[in-house]
Amino acid sequence: MGLSGSAGEGRGLLQSCVAKVLFAVYTSEPCQPGQARPQTGTIPALTGVLAEQSIAIRDGFFIGDESFSPYDGDPSTSLALPVSST
């Protein structure tokens, strides 16, 4: 498909190329051990909508003001890296 292709052609190309995505949840609220991560209800909904398009979530990140870590990890056991390290 060249630049002159229709929008429908572009969507078809995009759908055939994208298999997995990354997501990040940004918040200023610290997450304490044992607490649910922010947006816990949104992530399953996002997973479902993406699955309908044959797109899987490859990885997720929880990003705060001072550190980031895997979204699905427990804050007490997950490695949290300083944002300044990026």
PDB file of N, CA and C in Angstrom:
ATOM      1  N   MET A   1       0.844  -1.175   0.000  1.00  0.00           N
ATOM      2  CA  MET A   1       0.000   0.000   0.000  1.00  0.00           C
ATOM      3  C   MET A   1       0.885   1.233   0.000  1.00  0.00           C
ATOM      4  N   GLY A   2       0.655   2.140  -0.906  1.00  0.00           N
ATOM      5  CA  GLY A   2       1.385   3.391  -0.961  1.00  0.00           C
ATOM      6  C   GLY A   2       0.688   4.448  -0.135  1.00  0.00           C
ATOM      7  N   LEU A   3       1.196   5.634  -0.175  1.00  0.00           N
ATOM      8  CA  LEU A   3       0.583   6.727   0.573  1.00  0.00           C
ATOM      9  C   LEU A   3      -0.795   7.085   0.035  1.00  0.00           C
ATOM     10  N   SER A   4      -1.074   6.718  -1.221  1.00  0.00           N
ATOM     11  CA  SER A   4      -2.366   7.056  -1.793  1.00  0.00           C
ATOM     12  C   SER A   4      -3.447   6.035  -1.459  1.00  0.00           C
ATOM     13  N   GLY A   5      -3.143   4.989  -0.688  1.00  0.00           N
ATOM     14  CA  GLY A   5      -4.106   3.943  -0.335  1.00  0.00           C
ATOM     15  C   GLY A   5      -5.242   4.499   0.510  1.00  0.00           C
ATOM     16  N   SER A   6      -6.363   3.791   0.511  1.00  0.00           N
ATOM     17  CA  SER A   6      -7.515   4.239   1.293  1.00  0.00           C
ATOM     18  C   SER A   6      -7.308   3.951   2.776  1.00  0.00           C
ATOM     19  N   ALA A   7      -8.122   4.585   3.597  1.00  0.00           N
ATOM     20  CA  ALA A   7      -8.037   4.367   5.045  1.00  0.00           C
ATOM     21  C   ALA A   7      -8.335   2.914   5.381  1.00  0.00           C
ATOM     22  N   GLY A   8      -9.265   2.292   4.672  1.00  0.00           N
ATOM     23  CA  GLY A   8      -9.594   0.888   4.915  1.00  0.00           C
ATOM     24  C   GLY A   8      -8.408  -0.011   4.670  1.00  0.00           C
ATOM     25  N   GLU A   9      -7.643   0.273   3.621  1.00  0.00           N
ATOM     26  CA  GLU A   9      -6.440  -0.515   3.342  1.00  0.00           C
ATOM     27  C   GLU A   9      -5.438  -0.354   4.474  1.00  0.00           C
ATOM     28  N   GLY A  10      -5.317   0.856   4.988  1.00  0.00           N
ATOM     29  CA  GLY A  10      -4.385   1.116   6.092  1.00  0.00           C
ATOM     30  C   GLY A  10      -4.751   0.337   7.338  1.00  0.00           C
ATOM     31  N   ARG A  11      -6.040   0.293   7.661  1.00  0.00           N
ATOM     32  CA  ARG A  11      -6.476  -0.460   8.847  1.00  0.00           C
ATOM     33  C   ARG A  11      -6.174  -1.935   8.673  1.00  0.00           C
ATOM     34  N   GLY A  12      -6.403  -2.471   7.476  1.00  0.00           N
ATOM     35  CA  GLY A  12      -6.113  -3.883   7.222  1.00  0.00           C
ATOM     36  C   GLY A  12      -4.637  -4.181   7.391  1.00  0.00           C
ATOM     37  N   LEU A  13      -3.808  -3.296   6.877  1.00  0.00           N
ATOM     38  CA  LEU A  13      -2.364  -3.462   7.013  1.00  0.00           C
ATOM     39  C   LEU A  13      -1.961  -3.387   8.477  1.00  0.00           C
ATOM     40  N   LEU A  14      -2.502  -2.418   9.191  1.00  0.00           N
ATOM     41  CA  LEU A  14      -2.187  -2.260  10.604  1.00  0.00           C
ATOM     42  C   LEU A  14      -2.608  -3.492  11.395  1.00  0.00           C
ATOM     43  N   GLN A  15      -3.810  -3.985  11.147  1.00  0.00           N
ATOM     44  CA  GLN A  15      -4.292  -5.151  11.881  1.00  0.00           C
ATOM     45  C   GLN A  15      -3.446  -6.380  11.597  1.00  0.00           C
ATOM     46  N   SER A  16      -2.913  -6.517  10.393  1.00  0.00           N
ATOM     47  CA  SER A  16      -2.125  -7.695  10.091  1.00  0.00           C
ATOM     48  C   SER A  16      -0.710  -7.601  10.648  1.00  0.00           C
ATOM     49  N   CYS A  17      -0.257  -6.403  10.970  1.00  0.00           N
ATOM     50  CA  CYS A  17       1.109  -6.212  11.457  1.00  0.00           C
ATOM     51  C   CYS A  17       1.208  -6.183  12.978  1.00  0.00           C
ATOM     52  N   VAL A  18       0.192  -5.688  13.654  1.00  0.00           N
ATOM     53  CA  VAL A  18       0.251  -5.518  15.095  1.00  0.00           C
ATOM     54  C   VAL A  18      -0.286  -6.771  15.774  1.00  0.00           C
ATOM     55  N   ALA A  19       0.549  -7.397  16.580  1.00  0.00           N
ATOM     56  CA  ALA A  19       0.124  -8.581  17.306  1.00  0.00           C
ATOM     57  C   ALA A  19       0.098  -8.332  18.808  1.00  0.00           C
ATOM     58  N   LYS A  20       0.983  -7.461  19.288  1.00  0.00           N
ATOM     59  CA  LYS A  20       1.093  -7.218  20.724  1.00  0.00           C
ATOM     60  C   LYS A  20       1.361  -5.746  20.981  1.00  0.00           C
ATOM     61  N   VAL A  21       0.907  -5.273  22.131  1.00  0.00           N
ATOM     62  CA  VAL A  21       1.107  -3.883  22.530  1.00  0.00           C
ATOM     63  C   VAL A  21       1.636  -3.818  23.956  1.00  0.00           C
ATOM     64  N   LEU A  22       2.170  -2.672  24.311  1.00  0.00           N
ATOM     65  CA  LEU A  22       2.566  -2.359  25.683  1.00  0.00           C
ATOM     66  C   LEU A  22       1.584  -1.330  26.214  1.00  0.00           C
ATOM     67  N   PHE A  23       1.329  -1.351  27.508  1.00  0.00           N
ATOM     68  CA  PHE A  23       0.542  -0.279  28.110  1.00  0.00           C
ATOM     69  C   PHE A  23       1.268   0.217  29.346  1.00  0.00           C
ATOM     70  N   ALA A  24       0.956   1.455  29.697  1.00  0.00           N
ATOM     71  CA  ALA A  24       1.524   2.053  30.904  1.00  0.00           C
ATOM     72  C   ALA A  24       0.417   2.797  31.635  1.00  0.00           C
ATOM     73  N   VAL A  25       0.408   2.678  32.949  1.00  0.00           N
ATOM     74  CA  VAL A  25      -0.518   3.422  33.794  1.00  0.00           C
ATOM     75  C   VAL A  25       0.327   4.420  34.581  1.00  0.00           C
ATOM     76  N   TYR A  26       0.059   5.708  34.366  1.00  0.00           N
ATOM     77  CA  TYR A  26       0.766   6.784  35.047  1.00  0.00           C
ATOM     78  C   TYR A  26      -0.079   7.291  36.203  1.00  0.00           C
ATOM     79  N   THR A  27       0.556   7.505  37.340  1.00  0.00           N
ATOM     80  CA  THR A  27      -0.157   8.041  38.497  1.00  0.00           C
ATOM     81  C   THR A  27       0.803   8.749  39.436  1.00  0.00           C
ATOM     82  N   SER A  28       0.287   9.716  40.149  1.00  0.00           N
ATOM     83  CA  SER A  28       1.070  10.379  41.199  1.00  0.00           C
ATOM     84  C   SER A  28       0.831   9.717  42.552  1.00  0.00           C
ATOM     85  N   GLU A  29      -0.159   8.810  42.612  1.00  0.00           N
ATOM     86  CA  GLU A  29      -0.475   8.129  43.863  1.00  0.00           C
ATOM     87  C   GLU A  29       0.428   6.912  44.044  1.00  0.00           C
ATOM     88  N   PRO A  30       1.154   6.839  45.159  1.00  0.00           N
ATOM     89  CA  PRO A  30       1.995   5.666  45.380  1.00  0.00           C
ATOM     90  C   PRO A  30       1.134   4.418  45.612  1.00  0.00           C
ATOM     91  N   CYS A  31       1.609   3.297  45.155  1.00  0.00           N
ATOM     92  CA  CYS A  31       0.907   2.029  45.343  1.00  0.00           C
ATOM     93  C   CYS A  31       1.607   1.262  46.464  1.00  0.00           C
ATOM     94  N   GLN A  32       0.867   0.946  47.480  1.00  0.00           N
ATOM     95  CA  GLN A  32       1.422   0.257  48.637  1.00  0.00           C
ATOM     96  C   GLN A  32       1.248  -1.253  48.496  1.00  0.00           C
ATOM     97  N   PRO A  33       2.139  -2.038  49.114  1.00  0.00           N
ATOM     98  CA  PRO A  33       1.984  -3.497  49.090  1.00  0.00           C
ATOM     99  C   PRO A  33       0.597  -3.909  49.591  1.00  0.00           C
ATOM    100  N   GLY A  34      -0.033  -4.827  48.869  1.00  0.00           N
ATOM    101  CA  GLY A  34      -1.352  -5.309  49.238  1.00  0.00           C
ATOM    102  C   GLY A  34      -2.497  -4.499  48.661  1.00  0.00           C
ATOM    103  N   GLN A  35      -2.216  -3.305  48.151  1.00  0.00           N
ATOM    104  CA  GLN A  35      -3.242  -2.481  47.531  1.00  0.00           C
ATOM    105  C   GLN A  35      -3.388  -2.847  46.062  1.00  0.00           C
ATOM    106  N   ALA A  36      -4.595  -2.692  45.553  1.00  0.00           N
ATOM    107  CA  ALA A  36      -4.824  -2.893  44.122  1.00  0.00           C
ATOM    108  C   ALA A  36      -4.169  -1.755  43.345  1.00  0.00           C
ATOM    109  N   ARG A  37      -3.676  -2.080  42.175  1.00  0.00           N
ATOM    110  CA  ARG A  37      -3.102  -1.056  41.293  1.00  0.00           C
ATOM    111  C   ARG A  37      -4.226  -0.167  40.761  1.00  0.00           C
ATOM    112  N   PRO A  38      -3.907   1.078  40.429  1.00  0.00           N
ATOM    113  CA  PRO A  38      -4.922   1.932  39.808  1.00  0.00           C
ATOM    114  C   PRO A  38      -5.389   1.325  38.477  1.00  0.00           C
ATOM    115  N   GLN A  39      -6.605   1.597  38.124  1.00  0.00           N
ATOM    116  CA  GLN A  39      -7.199   1.156  36.861  1.00  0.00           C
ATOM    117  C   GLN A  39      -7.350  -0.360  36.753  1.00  0.00           C
ATOM    118  N   THR A  40      -7.507  -1.050  37.889  1.00  0.00           N
ATOM    119  CA  THR A  40      -7.620  -2.513  37.837  1.00  0.00           C
ATOM    120  C   THR A  40      -8.842  -2.966  37.052  1.00  0.00           C
ATOM    121  N   GLY A  41      -9.892  -2.170  36.992  1.00  0.00           N
ATOM    122  CA  GLY A  41     -11.061  -2.539  36.198  1.00  0.00           C
ATOM    123  C   GLY A  41     -10.883  -2.230  34.722  1.00  0.00           C
ATOM    124  N   THR A  42     -10.025  -1.282  34.415  1.00  0.00           N
ATOM    125  CA  THR A  42      -9.811  -0.877  33.029  1.00  0.00           C
ATOM    126  C   THR A  42      -8.967  -1.888  32.262  1.00  0.00           C
ATOM    127  N   ILE A  43      -7.998  -2.492  32.912  1.00  0.00           N
ATOM    128  CA  ILE A  43      -7.068  -3.391  32.220  1.00  0.00           C
ATOM    129  C   ILE A  43      -7.787  -4.615  31.645  1.00  0.00           C
ATOM    130  N   PRO A  44      -8.673  -5.299  32.388  1.00  0.00           N
ATOM    131  CA  PRO A  44      -9.404  -6.416  31.761  1.00  0.00           C
ATOM    132  C   PRO A  44     -10.267  -5.959  30.587  1.00  0.00           C
ATOM    133  N   ALA A  45     -10.876  -4.778  30.700  1.00  0.00           N
ATOM    134  CA  ALA A  45     -11.676  -4.256  29.591  1.00  0.00           C
ATOM    135  C   ALA A  45     -10.790  -3.980  28.375  1.00  0.00           C
ATOM    136  N   LEU A  46      -9.629  -3.391  28.606  1.00  0.00           N
ATOM    137  CA  LEU A  46      -8.680  -3.134  27.526  1.00  0.00           C
ATOM    138  C   LEU A  46      -8.246  -4.448  26.884  1.00  0.00           C
ATOM    139  N   THR A  47      -7.952  -5.442  27.704  1.00  0.00           N
ATOM    140  CA  THR A  47      -7.549  -6.758  27.197  1.00  0.00           C
ATOM    141  C   THR A  47      -8.628  -7.341  26.291  1.00  0.00           C
ATOM    142  N   GLY A  48      -9.888  -7.237  26.718  1.00  0.00           N
ATOM    143  CA  GLY A  48     -10.990  -7.774  25.928  1.00  0.00           C
ATOM    144  C   GLY A  48     -11.165  -7.071  24.602  1.00  0.00           C
ATOM    145  N   VAL A  49     -11.103  -5.744  24.612  1.00  0.00           N
ATOM    146  CA  VAL A  49     -11.265  -4.974  23.376  1.00  0.00           C
ATOM    147  C   VAL A  49     -10.128  -5.289  22.400  1.00  0.00           C
ATOM    148  N   LEU A  50      -8.924  -5.360  22.916  1.00  0.00           N
ATOM    149  CA  LEU A  50      -7.788  -5.673  22.047  1.00  0.00           C
ATOM    150  C   LEU A  50      -7.885  -7.095  21.507  1.00  0.00           C
ATOM    151  N   ALA A  51      -8.320  -8.037  22.332  1.00  0.00           N
ATOM    152  CA  ALA A  51      -8.448  -9.429  21.895  1.00  0.00           C
ATOM    153  C   ALA A  51      -9.449  -9.554  20.753  1.00  0.00           C
ATOM    154  N   GLU A  52     -10.494  -8.727  20.767  1.00  0.00           N
ATOM    155  CA  GLU A  52     -11.462  -8.737  19.672  1.00  0.00           C
ATOM    156  C   GLU A  52     -10.810  -8.391  18.338  1.00  0.00           C
ATOM    157  N   GLN A  53      -9.704  -7.665  18.398  1.00  0.00           N
ATOM    158  CA  GLN A  53      -8.968  -7.276  17.191  1.00  0.00           C
ATOM    159  C   GLN A  53      -7.721  -8.140  16.991  1.00  0.00           C
ATOM    160  N   SER A  54      -7.641  -9.253  17.720  1.00  0.00           N
ATOM    161  CA  SER A  54      -6.492 -10.172  17.661  1.00  0.00           C
ATOM    162  C   SER A  54      -5.188  -9.505  18.074  1.00  0.00           C
ATOM    163  N   ILE A  55      -5.281  -8.615  19.061  1.00  0.00           N
ATOM    164  CA  ILE A  55      -4.109  -7.929  19.596  1.00  0.00           C
ATOM    165  C   ILE A  55      -3.967  -8.326  21.057  1.00  0.00           C
ATOM    166  N   ALA A  56      -2.780  -8.739  21.430  1.00  0.00           N
ATOM    167  CA  ALA A  56      -2.512  -9.150  22.808  1.00  0.00           C
ATOM    168  C   ALA A  56      -1.681  -8.082  23.524  1.00  0.00           C
ATOM    169  N   ILE A  57      -1.808  -8.039  24.828  1.00  0.00           N
ATOM    170  CA  ILE A  57      -0.956  -7.154  25.626  1.00  0.00           C
ATOM    171  C   ILE A  57       0.337  -7.907  25.908  1.00  0.00           C
ATOM    172  N   ARG A  58       1.432  -7.324  25.488  1.00  0.00           N
ATOM    173  CA  ARG A  58       2.743  -7.947  25.696  1.00  0.00           C
ATOM    174  C   ARG A  58       3.247  -7.696  27.108  1.00  0.00           C
ATOM    175  N   ASP A  59       3.049  -6.464  27.572  1.00  0.00           N
ATOM    176  CA  ASP A  59       3.565  -6.097  28.888  1.00  0.00           C
ATOM    177  C   ASP A  59       2.864  -4.835  29.357  1.00  0.00           C
ATOM    178  N   GLY A  60       2.876  -4.617  30.658  1.00  0.00           N
ATOM    179  CA  GLY A  60       2.303  -3.423  31.238  1.00  0.00           C
ATOM    180  C   GLY A  60       3.221  -2.855  32.298  1.00  0.00           C
ATOM    181  N   PHE A  61       3.179  -1.553  32.438  1.00  0.00           N
ATOM    182  CA  PHE A  61       4.040  -0.887  33.404  1.00  0.00           C
ATOM    183  C   PHE A  61       3.228   0.060  34.272  1.00  0.00           C
ATOM    184  N   PHE A  62       3.597   0.125  35.538  1.00  0.00           N
ATOM    185  CA  PHE A  62       3.034   1.046  36.515  1.00  0.00           C
ATOM    186  C   PHE A  62       4.087   2.134  36.694  1.00  0.00           C
ATOM    187  N   ILE A  63       3.749   3.357  36.341  1.00  0.00           N
ATOM    188  CA  ILE A  63       4.730   4.439  36.370  1.00  0.00           C
ATOM    189  C   ILE A  63       4.251   5.526  37.317  1.00  0.00           C
ATOM    190  N   GLY A  64       5.069   5.776  38.330  1.00  0.00           N
ATOM    191  CA  GLY A  64       4.772   6.820  39.301  1.00  0.00           C
ATOM    192  C   GLY A  64       5.674   8.019  39.102  1.00  0.00           C
ATOM    193  N   ASP A  65       5.607   8.947  40.036  1.00  0.00           N
ATOM    194  CA  ASP A  65       6.428  10.152  39.940  1.00  0.00           C
ATOM    195  C   ASP A  65       7.917   9.847  40.069  1.00  0.00           C
ATOM    196  N   GLU A  66       8.251   8.815  40.855  1.00  0.00           N
ATOM    197  CA  GLU A  66       9.655   8.566  41.133  1.00  0.00           C
ATOM    198  C   GLU A  66      10.163   7.202  40.692  1.00  0.00           C
ATOM    199  N   SER A  67       9.274   6.262  40.350  1.00  0.00           N
ATOM    200  CA  SER A  67       9.735   4.936  39.949  1.00  0.00           C
ATOM    201  C   SER A  67       8.729   4.286  39.004  1.00  0.00           C
ATOM    202  N   PHE A  68       9.173   3.188  38.370  1.00  0.00           N
ATOM    203  CA  PHE A  68       8.264   2.398  37.550  1.00  0.00           C
ATOM    204  C   PHE A  68       8.560   0.924  37.778  1.00  0.00           C
ATOM    205  N   SER A  69       7.546   0.087  37.558  1.00  0.00           N
ATOM    206  CA  SER A  69       7.674  -1.351  37.788  1.00  0.00           C
ATOM    207  C   SER A  69       6.662  -2.072  36.895  1.00  0.00           C
ATOM    208  N   PRO A  70       6.785  -3.404  36.813  1.00  0.00           N
ATOM    209  CA  PRO A  70       5.787  -4.155  36.046  1.00  0.00           C
ATOM    210  C   PRO A  70       4.394  -3.933  36.640  1.00  0.00           C
ATOM    211  N   TYR A  71       3.384  -3.751  35.800  1.00  0.00           N
ATOM    212  CA  TYR A  71       2.034  -3.471  36.284  1.00  0.00           C
ATOM    213  C   TYR A  71       1.478  -4.625  37.101  1.00  0.00           C
ATOM    214  N   ASP A  72       1.730  -5.848  36.658  1.00  0.00           N
ATOM    215  CA  ASP A  72       1.119  -7.002  37.329  1.00  0.00           C
ATOM    216  C   ASP A  72       1.945  -7.529  38.492  1.00  0.00           C
ATOM    217  N   GLY A  73       3.033  -6.862  38.838  1.00  0.00           N
ATOM    218  CA  GLY A  73       3.842  -7.301  39.963  1.00  0.00           C
ATOM    219  C   GLY A  73       3.355  -6.729  41.277  1.00  0.00           C
ATOM    220  N   ASP A  74       3.679  -7.403  42.349  1.00  0.00           N
ATOM    221  CA  ASP A  74       3.362  -6.911  43.690  1.00  0.00           C
ATOM    222  C   ASP A  74       4.380  -5.824  44.041  1.00  0.00           C
ATOM    223  N   PRO A  75       3.933  -4.641  44.455  1.00  0.00           N
ATOM    224  CA  PRO A  75       4.864  -3.559  44.766  1.00  0.00           C
ATOM    225  C   PRO A  75       5.902  -3.938  45.817  1.00  0.00           C
ATOM    226  N   SER A  76       5.586  -4.893  46.683  1.00  0.00           N
ATOM    227  CA  SER A  76       6.547  -5.262  47.724  1.00  0.00           C
ATOM    228  C   SER A  76       7.615  -6.216  47.205  1.00  0.00           C
ATOM    229  N   THR A  77       7.356  -6.895  46.091  1.00  0.00           N
ATOM    230  CA  THR A  77       8.329  -7.866  45.590  1.00  0.00           C
ATOM    231  C   THR A  77       8.867  -7.501  44.217  1.00  0.00           C
ATOM    232  N   SER A  78       8.243  -6.572  43.511  1.00  0.00           N
ATOM    233  CA  SER A  78       8.688  -6.191  42.166  1.00  0.00           C
ATOM    234  C   SER A  78       9.849  -5.215  42.242  1.00  0.00           C
ATOM    235  N   LEU A  79      10.704  -5.318  41.276  1.00  0.00           N
ATOM    236  CA  LEU A  79      11.784  -4.372  41.144  1.00  0.00           C
ATOM    237  C   LEU A  79      11.222  -3.045  40.657  1.00  0.00           C
ATOM    238  N   ALA A  80      11.388  -2.011  41.433  1.00  0.00           N
ATOM    239  CA  ALA A  80      10.940  -0.674  41.042  1.00  0.00           C
ATOM    240  C   ALA A  80      12.189   0.133  40.695  1.00  0.00           C
ATOM    241  N   LEU A  81      12.274   0.587  39.472  1.00  0.00           N
ATOM    242  CA  LEU A  81      13.426   1.349  39.023  1.00  0.00           C
ATOM    243  C   LEU A  81      13.145   2.843  39.104  1.00  0.00           C
ATOM    244  N   PRO A  82      14.143   3.640  39.465  1.00  0.00           N
ATOM    245  CA  PRO A  82      13.938   5.098  39.488  1.00  0.00           C
ATOM    246  C   PRO A  82      13.640   5.604  38.081  1.00  0.00           C
ATOM    247  N   VAL A  83      12.721   6.549  37.981  1.00  0.00           N
ATOM    248  CA  VAL A  83      12.406   7.144  36.685  1.00  0.00           C
ATOM    249  C   VAL A  83      13.657   7.809  36.108  1.00  0.00           C
ATOM    250  N   SER A  84      14.505   8.341  36.957  1.00  0.00           N
ATOM    251  CA  SER A  84      15.713   9.018  36.488  1.00  0.00           C
ATOM    252  C   SER A  84      16.682   8.058  35.792  1.00  0.00           C
ATOM    253  N   SER A  85      16.490   6.750  35.930  1.00  0.00           N
ATOM    254  CA  SER A  85      17.376   5.779  35.279  1.00  0.00           C
ATOM    255  C   SER A  85      17.062   5.607  33.800  1.00  0.00           C
ATOM    256  N   THR A  86      15.948   6.172  33.359  1.00  0.00           N
ATOM    257  CA  THR A  86      15.575   6.017  31.948  1.00  0.00           C
ATOM    258  C   THR A  86      16.103   7.110  31.083  1.00  0.00           C
TER     259      THR A  86
END
